[in-house]
C-alpha atoms as a PDB file:
ATOM      1  CA  MET A   1       0.000   0.000   0.000  1.00  0.00           C
ATOM      2  CA  ALA A   2       1.120   3.467  -0.618  1.00  0.00           C
ATOM      3  CA  LEU A   3      -0.007   6.236   1.637  1.00  0.00           C
ATOM      4  CA  THR A   4      -1.508   9.549   0.619  1.00  0.00           C
ATOM      5  CA  ILE A   5      -1.760  12.947   2.264  1.00  0.00           C
ATOM      6  CA  THR A   6      -5.211  14.514   2.339  1.00  0.00           C
ATOM      7  CA  ALA A   7      -6.262  18.144   2.098  1.00  0.00           C
ATOM      8  CA  GLU A   8      -6.386  18.283   5.907  1.00  0.00           C
ATOM      9  CA  CYS A   9      -2.587  18.633   5.812  1.00  0.00           C
ATOM     10  CA  ILE A  10      -1.416  21.762   7.645  1.00  0.00           C
ATOM     11  CA  ASN A  11       2.050  21.777   6.007  1.00  0.00           C
ATOM     12  CA  CYS A  12       3.757  21.348   9.359  1.00  0.00           C
ATOM     13  CA  ASP A  13       6.907  19.967   7.665  1.00  0.00           C
ATOM     14  CA  VAL A  14       7.123  16.929   9.983  1.00  0.00           C
ATOM     15  CA  CYS A  15       6.601  14.158   7.432  1.00  0.00           C
ATOM     16  CA  GLU A  16       9.046  15.008   4.656  1.00  0.00           C
ATOM     17  CA  PRO A  17      12.324  14.663   6.569  1.00  0.00           C
ATOM     18  CA  VAL A  18      11.356  11.349   8.219  1.00  0.00           C
ATOM     19  CA  CYS A  19      10.546   9.528   4.971  1.00  0.00           C
ATOM     20  CA  PRO A  20      13.397   7.063   4.334  1.00  0.00           C
ATOM     21  CA  ASN A  21      12.488   6.754   0.646  1.00  0.00           C
ATOM     22  CA  GLN A  22      12.194  10.466  -0.160  1.00  0.00           C
ATOM     23  CA  ALA A  23       8.617   9.767  -1.246  1.00  0.00           C
ATOM     24  CA  ILE A  24       7.202  12.945   0.312  1.00  0.00           C
ATOM     25  CA  SER A  25       7.476  16.356  -1.311  1.00  0.00           C
ATOM     26  CA  MET A  26       5.636  19.653  -1.282  1.00  0.00           C
ATOM     27  CA  GLY A  27       2.779  19.732  -3.769  1.00  0.00           C
ATOM     28  CA  PRO A  28       0.935  22.788  -5.056  1.00  0.00           C
ATOM     29  CA  ASP A  29      -1.082  23.213  -1.847  1.00  0.00           C
ATOM     30  CA  PHE A  30       0.151  20.621   0.644  1.00  0.00           C
ATOM     31  CA  TYR A  31       2.563  17.722   0.895  1.00  0.00           C
ATOM     32  CA  GLN A  32       2.146  14.717  -1.389  1.00  0.00           C
ATOM     33  CA  ILE A  33       3.433  11.143  -1.436  1.00  0.00           C
ATOM     34  CA  ASP A  34       4.837   9.467  -4.545  1.00  0.00           C
ATOM     35  CA  PRO A  35       3.213   5.995  -4.554  1.00  0.00           C
ATOM     36  CA  ALA A  36       6.097   4.605  -6.600  1.00  0.00           C
ATOM     37  CA  ARG A  37       8.492   5.414  -3.729  1.00  0.00           C
ATOM     38  CA  CYS A  38       6.240   4.794  -0.686  1.00  0.00           C
ATOM     39  CA  THR A  39       6.827   1.471   1.067  1.00  0.00           C
ATOM     40  CA  GLU A  40       5.021   2.485   4.278  1.00  0.00           C
ATOM     41  CA  CYS A  41       8.524   2.316   5.774  1.00  0.00           C
ATOM     42  CA  VAL A  42       8.733  -1.462   5.192  1.00  0.00           C
ATOM     43  CA  GLY A  43      12.412  -2.342   5.317  1.00  0.00           C
ATOM     44  CA  HIS A  44      13.209   0.691   7.449  1.00  0.00           C
ATOM     45  CA  TYR A  45      10.762   0.862  10.384  1.00  0.00           C
ATOM     46  CA  ASP A  46       7.915  -1.153  11.911  1.00  0.00           C
ATOM     47  CA  GLN A  47       5.420   1.669  11.351  1.00  0.00           C
ATOM     48  CA  PRO A  48       5.145   4.432   8.732  1.00  0.00           C
ATOM     49  CA  GLN A  49       7.022   7.334  10.265  1.00  0.00           C
ATOM     50  CA  CYS A  50       4.925  10.017   8.601  1.00  0.00           C
ATOM     51  CA  VAL A  51       1.747   8.521  10.085  1.00  0.00           C
ATOM     52  CA  GLU A  52       3.364   8.209  13.511  1.00  0.00           C
ATOM     53  CA  LEU A  53       4.360  11.884  13.587  1.00  0.00           C
ATOM     54  CA  CYS A  54       1.480  13.575  11.751  1.00  0.00           C
ATOM     55  CA  PRO A  55      -0.297  15.895  14.222  1.00  0.00           C
ATOM     56  CA  VAL A  56      -3.553  16.007  12.244  1.00  0.00           C
ATOM     57  CA  GLN A  57      -3.779  12.353  11.135  1.00  0.00           C
ATOM     58  CA  CYS A  58      -4.132  13.180   7.445  1.00  0.00           C
ATOM     59  CA  ILE A  59      -2.114  10.255   6.008  1.00  0.00           C
ATOM     60  CA  PRO A  60      -4.336   7.262   5.163  1.00  0.00           C
ATOM     61  CA  VAL A  61      -3.709   4.357   2.792  1.00  0.00           C
ATOM     62  CA  HIS A  62      -4.113   5.466  -0.814  1.00  0.00           C
ATOM     63  CA  PRO A  63      -7.212   3.616  -2.101  1.00  0.00           C
ATOM     64  CA  GLN A  64      -5.784   3.309  -5.636  1.00  0.00           C
ATOM     65  CA  HIS A  65      -2.423   1.904  -4.512  1.00  0.00           C
ATOM     66  CA  ILE A  66      -3.211  -1.108  -2.309  1.00  0.00           C
ATOM     67  CA  GLU A  67      -0.172  -3.386  -1.935  1.00  0.00           C
ATOM     68  CA  ASP A  68       0.528  -6.331   0.343  1.00  0.00           C
ATOM     69  CA  ARG A  69       3.615  -6.570   2.533  1.00  0.00           C
ATOM     70  CA  ALA A  70       5.469  -8.737  -0.004  1.00  0.00           C
ATOM     71  CA  SER A  71       4.950  -6.092  -2.692  1.00  0.00           C
ATOM     72  CA  LEU A  72       6.175  -3.380  -0.340  1.00  0.00           C
ATOM     73  CA  GLU A  73       9.279  -5.441   0.464  1.00  0.00           C
ATOM     74  CA  ARG A  74      10.015  -5.902  -3.255  1.00  0.00           C
ATOM     75  CA  LYS A  75       9.621  -2.161  -3.798  1.00  0.00           C
ATOM     76  CA  TYR A  76      11.956  -1.501  -0.839  1.00  0.00           C
ATOM     77  CA  ARG A  77      14.603  -3.823  -2.303  1.00  0.00           C
ATOM     78  CA  ARG A  78      14.264  -2.205  -5.736  1.00  0.00           C
ATOM     79  CA  LEU A  79      14.556   1.312  -4.296  1.00  0.00           C
ATOM     80  CA  THR A  80      17.530   0.498  -2.101  1.00  0.00           C
ATOM     81  CA  ALA A  81      19.312  -1.315  -4.938  1.00  0.00           C
ATOM     82  CA  ALA A  82      18.787   1.700  -7.203  1.00  0.00           C
ATOM     83  CA  SER A  83      20.233   4.034  -4.582  1.00  0.00           C
ATOM     84  CA  SER A  84      23.273   1.933  -3.733  1.00  0.00           C
ATOM     85  CA  PRO A  85      26.623   3.151  -5.105  1.00  0.00           C
ATOM     86  CA  CYS A  86      27.053   0.011  -7.219  1.00  0.00           C
ATOM     87  CA  GLY A  87      23.414  -0.164  -8.300  1.00  0.00           C
ATOM     88  CA  ALA A  88      23.380  -3.734  -7.019  1.00  0.00           C
END
């Protein structure tokens, strides 16, 4: 599953720096999450860090990007391999 940030976002700047996959960026009006990079912190943490820290609870599962844990783990491995110095 990828997460999404809803319009209730208050742009508090808490979520972006804690995302281990750099999936969160500022959108036109509020922060947004790139579903291709979001692993819900699988491979990094037990819980999604953005959800844990969000003061207004505006980060639900994206209904159009439902993934099981195995899919999230594969995405994590792909992302970390792409970011490694050797590309391995």
